[in-house]
């Protein structure tokens, strides 16, 4: 869907850090939210997570289907009394580490504060007028083998549609942690950021 060069260009246009070191596995982990759906709860894995890094001097680029938005069941039956969470776009430096998601399996777990919208009215439209910053367990994890609907797999987490894709992602993260330590930067963009970006 996207190219590594497109992703780097958008990152630089926004003033975000994009790692270009020749050191192996210096990861750029970047989510791209589907702007075409606006604030509607689609309940679908219609977003993208990309990873780009160098390996032996050659760029590697991967992308997979995810959701960056909460699902229908989570919007209706959220567990936080302030409302369901939705991560704000932006760059969160060294905000994640490899840990256990809900104590069950290894994933990227939140270790520094992030910003989320909170929506408590259950109207299937994701409100963007209430912002909180903190540690909310906004993890990067998986759904099922090949999950059709998001439902309550995400209450703000970034969630892979397919277990196989998630496992590939985690293998890359584990290799990176051996070299760079257990800290990962996550950046969330919008697909509209890629429409006619200025030429550098």
C-alpha atoms as a PDB file:
ATOM      1  CA  UNK A   1       0.000   0.000   0.000  1.00  0.00           C
ATOM      2  CA  UNK A   2       2.808   2.397   0.894  1.00  0.00           C
ATOM      3  CA  UNK A   3       6.512   2.480   0.146  1.00  0.00           C
ATOM      4  CA  UNK A   4       9.313   3.015   2.606  1.00  0.00           C
ATOM      5  CA  UNK A   5      10.273   6.204   0.777  1.00  0.00           C
ATOM      6  CA  UNK A   6       6.743   7.589   1.125  1.00  0.00           C
ATOM      7  CA  UNK A   7       6.736   6.854   4.832  1.00  0.00           C
ATOM      8  CA  UNK A   8      10.121   8.497   5.372  1.00  0.00           C
ATOM      9  CA  UNK A   9       9.052  11.593   3.430  1.00  0.00           C
ATOM     10  CA  UNK A  10       5.886  12.054   5.496  1.00  0.00           C
ATOM     11  CA  UNK A  11       7.802  11.517   8.728  1.00  0.00           C
ATOM     12  CA  UNK A  12      10.344  14.177   7.790  1.00  0.00           C
ATOM     13  CA  UNK A  13       7.645  16.599   6.617  1.00  0.00           C
ATOM     14  CA  UNK A  14       6.071  16.355  10.059  1.00  0.00           C
ATOM     15  CA  UNK A  15       9.372  16.820  11.858  1.00  0.00           C
ATOM     16  CA  UNK A  16       9.362  13.344  13.366  1.00  0.00           C
ATOM     17  CA  UNK A  17      12.501  11.309  13.907  1.00  0.00           C
ATOM     18  CA  UNK A  18      13.067   8.646  11.244  1.00  0.00           C
ATOM     19  CA  UNK A  19      15.946   6.297  12.009  1.00  0.00           C
ATOM     20  CA  UNK A  20      18.369   5.795   9.100  1.00  0.00           C
ATOM     21  CA  UNK A  21      21.357   4.333  10.961  1.00  0.00           C
ATOM     22  CA  UNK A  22      23.315   1.616   9.186  1.00  0.00           C
ATOM     23  CA  UNK A  23      23.111  -0.362  12.430  1.00  0.00           C
ATOM     24  CA  UNK A  24      20.934  -3.437  11.971  1.00  0.00           C
ATOM     25  CA  UNK A  25      17.352  -3.358  13.261  1.00  0.00           C
ATOM     26  CA  UNK A  26      17.113   0.350  14.100  1.00  0.00           C
ATOM     27  CA  UNK A  27      13.338   0.163  13.814  1.00  0.00           C
ATOM     28  CA  UNK A  28      10.850   2.705  12.530  1.00  0.00           C
ATOM     29  CA  UNK A  29       7.474   1.424  13.775  1.00  0.00           C
ATOM     30  CA  UNK A  30       4.747   3.487  12.161  1.00  0.00           C
ATOM     31  CA  UNK A  31       0.972   3.099  12.189  1.00  0.00           C
ATOM     32  CA  UNK A  32      -1.131   4.661   9.443  1.00  0.00           C
ATOM     33  CA  UNK A  33      -4.775   5.322  10.312  1.00  0.00           C
ATOM     34  CA  UNK A  34      -7.341   5.170   7.507  1.00  0.00           C
ATOM     35  CA  UNK A  35      -8.481   8.801   7.184  1.00  0.00           C
ATOM     36  CA  UNK A  36     -11.278   7.959   4.741  1.00  0.00           C
ATOM     37  CA  UNK A  37     -13.434   6.515   7.523  1.00  0.00           C
ATOM     38  CA  UNK A  38     -13.242   9.717   9.573  1.00  0.00           C
ATOM     39  CA  UNK A  39     -14.486   9.170  13.121  1.00  0.00           C
ATOM     40  CA  UNK A  40     -16.929   6.385  12.253  1.00  0.00           C
ATOM     41  CA  UNK A  41     -16.504   3.104  14.135  1.00  0.00           C
ATOM     42  CA  UNK A  42     -15.905   0.674  11.264  1.00  0.00           C
ATOM     43  CA  UNK A  43     -15.135  -2.350  13.474  1.00  0.00           C
ATOM     44  CA  UNK A  44     -12.642  -3.402  10.766  1.00  0.00           C
ATOM     45  CA  UNK A  45      -8.884  -3.856  10.570  1.00  0.00           C
ATOM     46  CA  UNK A  46      -8.610  -1.081   7.988  1.00  0.00           C
ATOM     47  CA  UNK A  47      -5.373   0.555   9.129  1.00  0.00           C
ATOM     48  CA  UNK A  48      -1.721  -0.329   8.548  1.00  0.00           C
ATOM     49  CA  UNK A  49       1.369  -0.862  10.670  1.00  0.00           C
ATOM     50  CA  UNK A  50       4.713  -0.571   8.911  1.00  0.00           C
ATOM     51  CA  UNK A  51       8.243  -1.349  10.016  1.00  0.00           C
ATOM     52  CA  UNK A  52      11.351  -0.166   8.195  1.00  0.00           C
ATOM     53  CA  UNK A  53      14.979  -0.719   9.135  1.00  0.00           C
ATOM     54  CA  UNK A  54      18.354  -1.595   7.672  1.00  0.00           C
ATOM     55  CA  UNK A  55      19.823  -5.071   7.683  1.00  0.00           C
ATOM     56  CA  UNK A  56      23.424  -5.397   6.507  1.00  0.00           C
ATOM     57  CA  UNK A  57      23.108  -1.990   4.875  1.00  0.00           C
ATOM     58  CA  UNK A  58      19.935  -2.798   2.920  1.00  0.00           C
ATOM     59  CA  UNK A  59      16.539  -1.299   3.702  1.00  0.00           C
ATOM     60  CA  UNK A  60      13.815  -3.732   4.787  1.00  0.00           C
ATOM     61  CA  UNK A  61      10.165  -2.657   4.687  1.00  0.00           C
ATOM     62  CA  UNK A  62       7.142  -4.567   5.980  1.00  0.00           C
ATOM     63  CA  UNK A  63       3.506  -3.598   6.493  1.00  0.00           C
ATOM     64  CA  UNK A  64       0.496  -5.416   7.911  1.00  0.00           C
ATOM     65  CA  UNK A  65      -3.238  -4.921   8.486  1.00  0.00           C
ATOM     66  CA  UNK A  66      -4.119  -3.609  11.939  1.00  0.00           C
ATOM     67  CA  UNK A  67      -6.636  -1.416  13.693  1.00  0.00           C
ATOM     68  CA  UNK A  68      -5.656   1.826  15.396  1.00  0.00           C
ATOM     69  CA  UNK A  69      -9.245   2.360  16.567  1.00  0.00           C
ATOM     70  CA  UNK A  70     -11.472   0.655  19.140  1.00  0.00           C
ATOM     71  CA  UNK A  71     -14.049  -1.859  17.952  1.00  0.00           C
ATOM     72  CA  UNK A  72     -17.831  -1.809  18.218  1.00  0.00           C
ATOM     73  CA  UNK A  73     -18.097  -3.933  21.347  1.00  0.00           C
ATOM     74  CA  UNK A  74     -15.427  -1.861  23.096  1.00  0.00           C
ATOM     75  CA  UNK A  75     -17.203   1.390  22.222  1.00  0.00           C
ATOM     76  CA  UNK A  76     -20.435   0.074  23.747  1.00  0.00           C
ATOM     77  CA  UNK A  77     -18.963  -1.773  26.744  1.00  0.00           C
ATOM     78  CA  UNK A  78     -15.775   0.141  27.558  1.00  0.00           C
ATOM     79  CA  UNK A  79     -13.957  -0.744  30.781  1.00  0.00           C
ATOM     80  CA  UNK A  80     -12.621   2.732  31.686  1.00  0.00           C
ATOM     81  CA  UNK A  81     -15.334   4.917  33.215  1.00  0.00           C
ATOM     82  CA  UNK A  82     -13.980   7.930  31.302  1.00  0.00           C
ATOM     83  CA  UNK A  83     -14.892   6.224  28.016  1.00  0.00           C
ATOM     84  CA  UNK A  84     -13.215   4.198  25.308  1.00  0.00           C
ATOM     85  CA  UNK A  85      -9.709   5.275  24.255  1.00  0.00           C
ATOM     86  CA  UNK A  86      -8.396   6.161  20.798  1.00  0.00           C
ATOM     87  CA  UNK A  87      -4.709   6.986  20.379  1.00  0.00           C
ATOM     88  CA  UNK A  88      -3.883  10.463  19.053  1.00  0.00           C
ATOM     89  CA  UNK A  89      -1.633  10.732  16.039  1.00  0.00           C
ATOM     90  CA  UNK A  90       1.935  11.697  16.897  1.00  0.00           C
ATOM     91  CA  UNK A  91       5.333  10.289  17.746  1.00  0.00           C
ATOM     92  CA  UNK A  92       5.857   8.542  21.080  1.00  0.00           C
ATOM     93  CA  UNK A  93       9.595   8.196  21.682  1.00  0.00           C
ATOM     94  CA  UNK A  94      10.783   5.074  23.524  1.00  0.00           C
ATOM     95  CA  UNK A  95       7.215   4.572  24.707  1.00  0.00           C
ATOM     96  CA  UNK A  96       6.998   0.790  24.268  1.00  0.00           C
ATOM     97  CA  UNK A  97       8.877  -2.291  25.402  1.00  0.00           C
ATOM     98  CA  UNK A  98       8.524  -6.028  24.998  1.00  0.00           C
ATOM     99  CA  UNK A  99       6.350  -7.306  27.830  1.00  0.00           C
ATOM    100  CA  UNK A 100       3.285  -9.404  28.514  1.00  0.00           C
ATOM    101  CA  UNK A 101      -0.063  -8.273  27.148  1.00  0.00           C
ATOM    102  CA  UNK A 102      -2.575  -8.898  29.945  1.00  0.00           C
ATOM    103  CA  UNK A 103      -0.020 -11.318  31.377  1.00  0.00           C
ATOM    104  CA  UNK A 104      -0.723 -13.752  28.537  1.00  0.00           C
ATOM    105  CA  UNK A 105       1.835 -13.386  25.706  1.00  0.00           C
ATOM    106  CA  UNK A 106       4.682 -11.159  24.574  1.00  0.00           C
ATOM    107  CA  UNK A 107       3.713  -7.955  22.793  1.00  0.00           C
ATOM    108  CA  UNK A 108       4.824  -4.329  22.772  1.00  0.00           C
ATOM    109  CA  UNK A 109       3.487  -2.839  25.969  1.00  0.00           C
ATOM    110  CA  UNK A 110       3.152   0.826  26.862  1.00  0.00           C
ATOM    111  CA  UNK A 111       5.822   2.067  29.272  1.00  0.00           C
ATOM    112  CA  UNK A 112       5.577   5.865  28.858  1.00  0.00           C
ATOM    113  CA  UNK A 113       2.628   8.230  28.706  1.00  0.00           C
ATOM    114  CA  UNK A 114       0.640   8.570  25.483  1.00  0.00           C
ATOM    115  CA  UNK A 115      -2.302  10.769  24.524  1.00  0.00           C
ATOM    116  CA  UNK A 116      -5.759   9.366  23.877  1.00  0.00           C
ATOM    117  CA  UNK A 117      -9.206  10.682  23.075  1.00  0.00           C
ATOM    118  CA  UNK A 118     -11.932   9.502  25.448  1.00  0.00           C
ATOM    119  CA  UNK A 119     -15.473   8.812  24.232  1.00  0.00           C
ATOM    120  CA  UNK A 120     -18.233   7.740  26.609  1.00  0.00           C
ATOM    121  CA  UNK A 121     -21.473   8.243  24.648  1.00  0.00           C
ATOM    122  CA  UNK A 122     -21.564   4.943  22.703  1.00  0.00           C
ATOM    123  CA  UNK A 123     -22.930   6.558  19.523  1.00  0.00           C
ATOM    124  CA  UNK A 124     -20.527   4.768  17.118  1.00  0.00           C
ATOM    125  CA  UNK A 125     -18.765   8.055  16.328  1.00  0.00           C
ATOM    126  CA  UNK A 126     -15.311   8.506  17.860  1.00  0.00           C
ATOM    127  CA  UNK A 127     -15.342  11.892  19.574  1.00  0.00           C
ATOM    128  CA  UNK A 128     -12.181  13.981  19.564  1.00  0.00           C
ATOM    129  CA  UNK A 129     -12.962  16.641  22.159  1.00  0.00           C
ATOM    130  CA  UNK A 130     -11.664  15.017  25.352  1.00  0.00           C
ATOM    131  CA  UNK A 131      -7.946  14.208  25.614  1.00  0.00           C
ATOM    132  CA  UNK A 132      -6.131  12.352  28.388  1.00  0.00           C
ATOM    133  CA  UNK A 133      -2.442  11.644  28.778  1.00  0.00           C
ATOM    134  CA  UNK A 134      -1.130   8.762  30.818  1.00  0.00           C
ATOM    135  CA  UNK A 135      -0.359   5.074  31.152  1.00  0.00           C
ATOM    136  CA  UNK A 136      -3.448   3.239  29.938  1.00  0.00           C
ATOM    137  CA  UNK A 137      -2.137  -0.095  28.677  1.00  0.00           C
ATOM    138  CA  UNK A 138      -2.304   1.075  25.057  1.00  0.00           C
ATOM    139  CA  UNK A 139      -0.367  -1.915  23.768  1.00  0.00           C
ATOM    140  CA  UNK A 140       0.563  -3.225  20.322  1.00  0.00           C
ATOM    141  CA  UNK A 141      -0.780  -6.784  20.238  1.00  0.00           C
ATOM    142  CA  UNK A 142      -2.741  -9.315  18.167  1.00  0.00           C
ATOM    143  CA  UNK A 143      -6.327 -10.392  17.652  1.00  0.00           C
ATOM    144  CA  UNK A 144      -6.898 -13.950  16.364  1.00  0.00           C
ATOM    145  CA  UNK A 145      -5.615 -16.142  13.564  1.00  0.00           C
ATOM    146  CA  UNK A 146      -7.300 -13.962  10.921  1.00  0.00           C
ATOM    147  CA  UNK A 147      -9.916 -11.840  12.656  1.00  0.00           C
ATOM    148  CA  UNK A 148     -12.736 -10.219  10.679  1.00  0.00           C
ATOM    149  CA  UNK A 149     -14.105  -7.719  13.202  1.00  0.00           C
ATOM    150  CA  UNK A 150     -12.294  -5.701  15.873  1.00  0.00           C
ATOM    151  CA  UNK A 151     -15.073  -5.824  18.524  1.00  0.00           C
ATOM    152  CA  UNK A 152     -13.292  -5.589  21.917  1.00  0.00           C
ATOM    153  CA  UNK A 153      -9.819  -6.650  20.776  1.00  0.00           C
ATOM    154  CA  UNK A 154      -9.030  -2.926  20.935  1.00  0.00           C
ATOM    155  CA  UNK A 155     -10.065  -0.347  23.499  1.00  0.00           C
ATOM    156  CA  UNK A 156      -7.348   1.940  22.148  1.00  0.00           C
ATOM    157  CA  UNK A 157      -4.611  -0.615  21.466  1.00  0.00           C
ATOM    158  CA  UNK A 158      -2.957  -1.045  18.082  1.00  0.00           C
ATOM    159  CA  UNK A 159      -4.026  -4.566  17.113  1.00  0.00           C
ATOM    160  CA  UNK A 160      -2.888  -6.916  14.366  1.00  0.00           C
ATOM    161  CA  UNK A 161      -5.567  -8.657  12.313  1.00  0.00           C
ATOM    162  CA  UNK A 162      -3.512 -11.831  11.793  1.00  0.00           C
ATOM    163  CA  UNK A 163      -1.479 -13.796  14.328  1.00  0.00           C
ATOM    164  CA  UNK A 164       1.072 -14.752  11.663  1.00  0.00           C
ATOM    165  CA  UNK A 165       1.754 -11.085  10.876  1.00  0.00           C
ATOM    166  CA  UNK A 166       2.067 -10.241  14.553  1.00  0.00           C
ATOM    167  CA  UNK A 167       4.531 -13.070  15.086  1.00  0.00           C
ATOM    168  CA  UNK A 168       6.696 -11.750  12.245  1.00  0.00           C
ATOM    169  CA  UNK A 169       6.574  -8.277  13.777  1.00  0.00           C
ATOM    170  CA  UNK A 170       7.579  -9.581  17.195  1.00  0.00           C
ATOM    171  CA  UNK A 171      10.497 -11.557  15.752  1.00  0.00           C
ATOM    172  CA  UNK A 172      11.798  -8.310  14.282  1.00  0.00           C
ATOM    173  CA  UNK A 173      11.314  -6.467  17.590  1.00  0.00           C
ATOM    174  CA  UNK A 174      13.182  -9.151  19.513  1.00  0.00           C
ATOM    175  CA  UNK A 175      16.130  -8.933  17.139  1.00  0.00           C
ATOM    176  CA  UNK A 176      16.107  -5.157  17.579  1.00  0.00           C
ATOM    177  CA  UNK A 177      16.055  -5.436  21.367  1.00  0.00           C
ATOM    178  CA  UNK A 178      19.271  -7.484  21.314  1.00  0.00           C
ATOM    179  CA  UNK A 179      21.081  -4.555  19.688  1.00  0.00           C
ATOM    180  CA  UNK A 180      19.267  -1.421  20.834  1.00  0.00           C
ATOM    181  CA  UNK A 181      17.692  -2.463  24.117  1.00  0.00           C
ATOM    182  CA  UNK A 182      14.082  -2.975  25.098  1.00  0.00           C
ATOM    183  CA  UNK A 183      12.661   0.404  24.076  1.00  0.00           C
ATOM    184  CA  UNK A 184      10.689   1.191  20.930  1.00  0.00           C
ATOM    185  CA  UNK A 185       9.377   4.410  19.405  1.00  0.00           C
ATOM    186  CA  UNK A 186       5.888   4.304  17.890  1.00  0.00           C
ATOM    187  CA  UNK A 187       4.531   6.906  15.483  1.00  0.00           C
ATOM    188  CA  UNK A 188       0.906   7.151  14.349  1.00  0.00           C
ATOM    189  CA  UNK A 189       0.159   8.918  11.058  1.00  0.00           C
ATOM    190  CA  UNK A 190      -2.998   9.434   8.979  1.00  0.00           C
ATOM    191  CA  UNK A 191      -3.435   8.137   5.439  1.00  0.00           C
ATOM    192  CA  UNK A 192      -4.359  11.685   4.382  1.00  0.00           C
ATOM    193  CA  UNK A 193      -0.786  12.685   5.232  1.00  0.00           C
ATOM    194  CA  UNK A 194       0.246  10.827   2.085  1.00  0.00           C
ATOM    195  CA  UNK A 195      -1.960  12.762  -0.327  1.00  0.00           C
ATOM    196  CA  UNK A 196       0.229  15.022  -2.467  1.00  0.00           C
ATOM    197  CA  UNK A 197       2.944  15.494   0.182  1.00  0.00           C
ATOM    198  CA  UNK A 198       5.366  18.341  -0.506  1.00  0.00           C
ATOM    199  CA  UNK A 199       8.518  17.390  -2.386  1.00  0.00           C
ATOM    200  CA  UNK A 200      11.665  17.583  -0.282  1.00  0.00           C
END
